[in-house]
Protein backbone atom coordinates (compact mmCIF):
# COMPACT_ATOMS: atom_id res chain seq x y z
CA MET A 1 -0.15 -0.15 0.04
CA ALA A 2 1.55 3.34 -1.25
CA VAL A 3 1.76 6.00 1.89
CA ASP A 4 2.05 9.78 0.91
CA MET A 5 3.91 11.34 3.98
CA ARG A 6 4.17 15.20 3.77
CA LEU A 7 5.98 17.22 6.34
CA PRO A 8 5.52 20.83 7.11
CA ALA A 9 7.43 23.38 5.37
CA ILE A 10 8.09 26.96 5.37
CA LEU A 11 6.92 29.05 2.25
CA LYS A 12 8.65 32.19 1.44
CA GLN A 13 6.50 34.85 0.52
CA ILE A 14 7.70 36.52 -2.72
CA SER A 15 5.92 39.79 -3.81
CA LEU A 16 5.75 40.60 -7.55
CA SER A 17 6.21 43.75 -8.75
CA GLY A 18 3.24 46.03 -9.66
CA SER A 19 1.11 43.91 -7.07
CA LYS A 20 1.01 47.15 -4.79
CA GLY A 21 -0.88 49.31 -7.55
CA ALA A 22 -3.24 46.35 -7.79
CA ALA A 23 -3.94 45.99 -4.48
CA ALA A 24 -4.14 49.93 -4.16
CA SER A 25 -7.66 49.73 -6.14
CA LEU A 26 -9.25 47.01 -3.78
CA VAL A 27 -11.59 48.33 -1.05
CA VAL A 28 -13.68 47.05 1.87
CA PRO A 29 -16.99 48.42 3.11
CA GLY A 30 -16.26 51.66 4.95
CA ASP A 31 -13.26 52.75 2.82
CA VAL A 32 -13.31 56.27 1.44
CA ILE A 33 -12.60 56.09 -2.35
CA THR A 34 -12.46 59.82 -2.83
CA THR A 35 -13.27 63.31 -1.44
CA ASP A 36 -13.64 64.76 -4.92
CA THR A 37 -17.41 66.10 -5.08
CA GLY A 38 -16.99 66.02 -8.89
CA PHE A 39 -17.42 62.00 -9.37
CA MET A 40 -20.74 60.33 -9.74
CA ARG A 41 -22.07 57.58 -7.49
CA GLY A 42 -22.25 54.19 -9.03
CA HIS A 43 -23.17 50.77 -7.81
CA GLY A 44 -21.44 49.61 -4.61
CA THR A 45 -20.98 53.22 -3.29
CA TYR A 46 -22.64 55.57 -1.16
CA LEU A 47 -22.15 59.16 0.12
CA ASP A 48 -20.78 59.95 3.82
CA GLU A 49 -20.38 63.40 4.60
CA GLU A 50 -19.67 64.38 1.04
CA LYS A 51 -17.14 61.27 0.78
CA LEU A 52 -17.43 58.81 -1.92
CA THR A 53 -17.36 55.50 0.36
CA ALA A 54 -17.50 51.75 -0.82
CA SER A 55 -20.52 49.56 0.43
CA VAL A 56 -19.13 46.39 -0.76
CA ALA A 57 -15.58 44.43 -0.87
CA GLY A 58 -14.31 44.74 -4.27
CA GLU A 59 -12.43 46.44 -7.02
CA VAL A 60 -12.89 50.21 -7.91
CA GLU A 61 -13.59 51.02 -11.34
CA ARG A 62 -13.65 54.52 -13.00
CA VAL A 63 -15.35 55.25 -16.38
CA ASN A 64 -15.04 58.97 -17.05
CA LYS A 65 -16.56 60.56 -13.79
CA LEU A 66 -18.54 57.33 -12.61
CA ILE A 67 -16.93 55.47 -9.87
CA CYS A 68 -18.32 51.83 -8.92
CA VAL A 69 -17.30 48.90 -6.98
CA ARG A 70 -17.04 45.64 -8.66
CA PRO A 71 -17.58 42.93 -5.92
CA LEU A 72 -14.99 40.22 -5.79
CA LYS A 73 -17.48 37.74 -4.88
CA THR A 74 -20.99 37.76 -6.24
CA ARG A 75 -23.77 36.04 -8.30
CA TYR A 76 -23.10 36.42 -12.09
CA ASN A 77 -24.80 39.83 -13.63
CA GLY A 78 -25.14 39.36 -17.12
CA GLU A 79 -24.44 41.47 -20.00
CA VAL A 80 -25.55 41.54 -23.81
CA GLY A 81 -22.99 39.57 -25.69
CA ASP A 82 -21.57 37.22 -22.77
CA VAL A 83 -20.98 33.91 -23.64
CA VAL A 84 -22.16 31.57 -20.76
CA VAL A 85 -22.25 27.89 -19.99
CA GLY A 86 -25.45 26.70 -18.45
CA ARG A 87 -27.23 23.54 -17.78
CA ILE A 88 -30.91 23.02 -18.74
CA ALA A 89 -33.03 23.22 -15.25
CA GLU A 90 -36.36 22.74 -16.81
CA VAL A 91 -38.35 22.28 -20.11
CA GLN A 92 -41.52 24.97 -20.21
CA GLN A 93 -43.95 25.98 -23.16
CA LYS A 94 -41.84 27.12 -26.02
CA ARG A 95 -38.81 27.70 -23.82
CA TRP A 96 -36.15 26.07 -21.70
CA LYS A 97 -34.83 27.38 -18.30
CA VAL A 98 -31.27 27.43 -17.80
CA GLU A 99 -29.32 27.47 -14.51
CA THR A 100 -26.33 29.93 -15.33
CA SER A 101 -25.05 31.01 -11.68
CA SER A 102 -26.99 34.27 -11.89
CA ARG A 103 -30.01 35.17 -9.59
CA LEU A 104 -32.63 33.81 -11.64
CA ASP A 105 -32.56 31.00 -14.22
CA SER A 106 -31.95 32.25 -17.69
CA VAL A 107 -34.41 31.52 -20.74
CA LEU A 108 -33.36 30.05 -23.90
CA LEU A 109 -36.86 30.25 -26.09
CA LEU A 110 -37.47 27.66 -28.97
CA SER A 111 -37.17 30.65 -31.18
CA SER A 112 -33.51 31.28 -30.38
CA VAL A 113 -31.92 27.97 -31.09
CA ASN A 114 -31.09 26.42 -34.40
CA LEU A 115 -33.05 23.49 -35.74
CA PRO A 116 -31.25 20.49 -36.58
CA GLY A 117 -30.05 20.55 -39.93
CA GLY A 118 -30.10 24.50 -39.84
CA GLU A 119 -33.39 24.80 -41.16
CA LEU A 120 -34.72 28.11 -41.30
CA ARG A 121 -38.47 28.40 -41.00
CA ARG A 122 -41.02 29.24 -38.21
CA ARG A 123 -41.27 27.06 -35.22
CA SER A 124 -44.46 24.55 -35.25
CA ALA A 125 -46.28 22.70 -32.78
CA GLU A 126 -44.25 19.72 -33.72
CA ASP A 127 -41.19 21.55 -32.71
CA GLU A 128 -42.81 22.47 -29.58
CA LEU A 129 -43.55 18.54 -28.79
CA SER A 130 -40.13 17.50 -29.61
CA MET A 131 -38.27 19.93 -27.47
CA ARG A 132 -36.79 17.42 -25.15
CA ASP A 133 -35.27 15.88 -28.10
CA TYR A 134 -33.24 18.69 -28.53
CA LEU A 135 -32.40 19.70 -25.00
CA GLN A 136 -33.66 17.84 -22.04
CA GLU A 137 -33.13 18.47 -18.26
CA GLY A 138 -29.31 18.07 -17.22
CA ASP A 139 -28.09 19.05 -20.72
CA LEU A 140 -25.16 21.26 -20.59
CA ILE A 141 -25.04 24.34 -23.28
CA SER A 142 -23.06 26.99 -24.40
CA ALA A 143 -24.78 30.08 -25.54
CA GLU A 144 -24.80 33.99 -25.81
CA VAL A 145 -26.79 36.61 -23.86
CA GLN A 146 -28.97 38.10 -26.20
CA ALA A 147 -31.15 40.29 -23.91
CA VAL A 148 -31.51 41.26 -20.25
CA PHE A 149 -35.19 41.47 -18.84
CA SER A 150 -36.28 43.90 -16.43
CA ASP A 151 -35.73 41.65 -13.51
CA GLY A 152 -32.22 40.67 -14.32
CA ALA A 153 -33.04 37.50 -16.06
CA LEU A 154 -30.98 36.67 -19.03
CA SER A 155 -32.41 35.78 -22.55
CA LEU A 156 -29.95 33.39 -24.40
CA HIS A 157 -29.63 32.28 -27.95
CA THR A 158 -27.47 29.35 -29.62
CA ARG A 159 -28.17 30.58 -33.20
CA SER A 160 -24.28 30.34 -34.05
CA LEU A 161 -22.69 26.83 -34.80
CA LYS A 162 -20.12 27.29 -32.10
CA TYR A 163 -22.95 27.29 -29.53
CA GLY A 164 -25.36 24.50 -28.53
CA LYS A 165 -25.23 21.17 -26.61
CA LEU A 166 -21.90 20.00 -25.02
CA GLY A 167 -20.87 16.41 -25.40
CA GLN A 168 -18.03 14.86 -23.39
CA GLY A 169 -15.90 17.07 -20.99
CA VAL A 170 -15.24 18.42 -17.62
CA LEU A 171 -17.09 21.25 -15.86
CA VAL A 172 -15.29 23.69 -13.78
CA GLN A 173 -16.88 26.16 -11.41
CA VAL A 174 -15.13 29.29 -10.48
CA SER A 175 -16.15 32.93 -9.28
CA PRO A 176 -17.40 34.95 -12.16
CA SER A 177 -15.14 37.93 -11.44
CA LEU A 178 -12.13 35.90 -12.14
CA VAL A 179 -12.98 35.18 -15.76
CA LYS A 180 -11.22 37.86 -17.79
CA ARG A 181 -13.70 39.26 -20.81
CA GLN A 182 -12.11 38.91 -24.10
CA LYS A 183 -13.00 39.07 -27.81
CA THR A 184 -13.17 35.55 -27.78
CA HIS A 185 -13.93 32.75 -25.00
CA PHE A 186 -13.38 29.80 -27.15
CA HIS A 187 -10.04 28.55 -27.23
CA ASN A 188 -8.23 25.54 -28.86
CA LEU A 189 -5.19 25.03 -26.65
CA PRO A 190 -1.95 23.79 -27.89
CA CYS A 191 -1.95 21.06 -25.31
CA GLY A 192 -4.53 18.99 -27.23
CA ALA A 193 -7.80 20.09 -25.31
CA SER A 194 -10.04 23.09 -26.01
CA ILE A 195 -11.59 25.37 -23.26
CA ILE A 196 -14.72 27.62 -23.20
CA LEU A 197 -14.47 30.36 -20.65
CA GLY A 198 -17.85 31.05 -19.59
CA ASN A 199 -18.48 34.84 -18.23
CA ASN A 200 -20.73 33.25 -15.58
CA GLY A 201 -17.91 31.38 -13.92
CA TYR A 202 -18.50 27.95 -15.50
CA ILE A 203 -15.71 26.79 -17.71
CA TRP A 204 -15.67 23.82 -19.92
CA LEU A 205 -13.08 21.45 -20.81
CA HIS A 206 -13.23 19.28 -23.65
CA PRO A 207 -11.03 17.14 -26.37
CA THR A 208 -10.22 19.35 -29.43
CA PRO A 209 -12.88 18.05 -32.11
CA MET A 210 -11.62 16.68 -35.37
CA GLN A 211 -14.19 18.56 -37.39
CA GLN A 212 -17.55 19.78 -36.28
CA ASP A 213 -20.82 18.31 -38.03
CA GLU A 214 -22.56 21.36 -39.34
CA GLU A 215 -25.60 19.43 -40.36
CA ALA A 216 -26.36 18.36 -36.65
CA GLY A 217 -27.25 22.22 -35.74
CA GLY A 218 -25.37 21.88 -32.70
CA TYR A 219 -27.13 18.99 -31.20
CA TYR A 220 -24.71 16.32 -32.03
CA THR A 221 -22.35 14.87 -29.17
CA SER A 222 -19.78 12.42 -29.60
CA THR A 223 -20.16 9.43 -27.43
CA GLU A 224 -16.94 7.68 -28.66
CA PRO A 225 -14.31 6.77 -25.84
CA VAL A 226 -12.01 9.78 -24.91
CA ALA A 227 -8.27 8.63 -25.30
CA LEU A 228 -6.19 8.31 -21.91
CA SER A 229 -3.83 11.14 -23.20
CA ASP A 230 -7.02 13.61 -23.72
CA ARG A 231 -8.27 12.79 -20.37
CA GLU A 232 -4.92 13.56 -18.57
CA VAL A 233 -4.51 16.60 -20.36
CA ILE A 234 -8.18 17.63 -19.46
CA SER A 235 -7.57 16.46 -15.71
CA ARG A 236 -4.09 18.42 -15.56
CA LEU A 237 -6.15 21.91 -17.00
CA ARG A 238 -8.86 21.25 -14.45
CA ASN A 239 -6.30 21.09 -11.58
CA CYS A 240 -4.65 24.35 -12.96
CA ILE A 241 -7.74 25.96 -13.28
CA LEU A 242 -8.54 25.25 -9.42
CA ALA A 243 -5.01 26.42 -8.53
CA LEU A 244 -4.97 29.83 -10.20
CA ALA A 245 -8.88 30.49 -8.71
CA ALA A 246 -7.69 29.61 -5.45
CA HIS A 247 -4.84 32.32 -5.65
CA LYS A 248 -7.48 34.56 -7.18
CA VAL A 249 -5.30 34.82 -10.57
CA MET A 250 -7.47 36.27 -13.54
CA LEU A 251 -8.44 33.52 -15.98
CA PHE A 252 -7.85 33.43 -19.76
CA ASP A 253 -6.35 31.19 -22.39
CA THR A 254 -2.62 32.42 -21.68
CA SER A 255 -2.80 32.12 -18.04
CA VAL A 256 -4.10 28.66 -18.27
CA LEU A 257 -1.75 27.59 -20.67
CA TYR A 258 1.28 28.83 -18.82
CA CYS A 259 0.06 27.31 -15.62
CA TYR A 260 -0.26 24.02 -17.47
CA GLU A 261 3.27 24.27 -18.80
CA SER A 262 4.51 25.01 -15.10
CA SER A 263 2.69 22.20 -13.99
CA LEU A 264 4.12 19.49 -16.33
CA SER A 265 7.07 18.73 -13.86
CA HIS A 266 4.44 17.71 -11.38
CA GLN A 267 1.90 14.53 -11.24
CA ILE A 268 -1.64 15.81 -11.85
CA LYS A 269 -2.81 14.83 -8.57
CA ASP A 270 -0.05 16.72 -6.80
CA ILE A 271 -1.13 20.17 -8.43
CA LEU A 272 -3.72 20.64 -5.73
CA LYS A 273 -1.30 20.29 -2.70
CA PRO A 274 -0.75 23.52 -1.30
CA GLU A 275 2.88 23.87 -1.86
CA VAL A 276 2.67 22.82 -5.21
CA THR A 277 0.00 24.73 -5.92
CA GLU A 278 2.09 27.86 -4.83
CA GLU A 279 4.88 27.14 -6.97
CA VAL A 280 3.20 26.48 -9.89
CA VAL A 281 1.00 29.92 -9.50
CA LEU A 282 4.11 31.80 -8.78
CA GLN A 283 5.84 30.69 -11.88
CA THR A 284 2.69 31.49 -13.86
CA ARG A 285 2.25 34.93 -12.25
CA HIS A 286 6.14 35.63 -13.33
CA ARG A 287 5.77 34.72 -16.75
CA LEU A 288 2.54 36.97 -17.06
CA ALA A 289 4.26 39.91 -15.53
CA ASP A 290 7.33 39.06 -18.08
CA GLN A 291 4.72 39.22 -21.04
CA GLU A 292 3.10 42.34 -19.82
CA GLY A 293 6.55 44.22 -19.62
């Protein structure tokens, strides 16, 4: 029987250059952001004796004369154009309810999805009766936020071939504030796996497909066995993402790839050990700092 013995070790605290500037924009409730009366009060702030004060813990964001505080830990607040990964929670009349880690379930209308075969026509009663043939409870999907309702619920659509039902892979859930907003959130990594970085904090890892069946309309999912090498790559990426999230490192394709490369000298199961996690994340931060110059 194998025994894994680990002794306590002293970890040296190494500060990266430029970290003080990043910490300066972080506030906790009660911190005075500014005493200048020329700024407008945004979300997460209030006026206290003509001083703009933070009401939540988070990062200060300035847009012209508007100051707001973006909470570090909160439910997902969607915006139009966001890429999300969600799970079908309920099938209703002409719509699906989707769980997207937001305050309310998101809505995916039958008219907002591609029909199998890519047909362009009005949805009929037969389409409504066969909704569970397209998507049923428990299915994972990738979608885009089409609109935000007045109560904060999100309206989704999957009218592009890059969206739709997800097949074999691994779902990783992190804080939505850790996912960096980028032009594209679909990446084929050179290590042999693909990643979907959902703005809602749901990250999908799956083997890179050889080709996409356009006639399936986003509903085809491969059930062929995944090779061991692909499963190992996905498992390593999953542990790397959890390590980065534990140390509050922003998640995007470059940071995940750098962390993956830094972890190659360790076994997959060892990445989540505290001392290994700190070493791998520190190397990733150094590479990101060198890249930013």
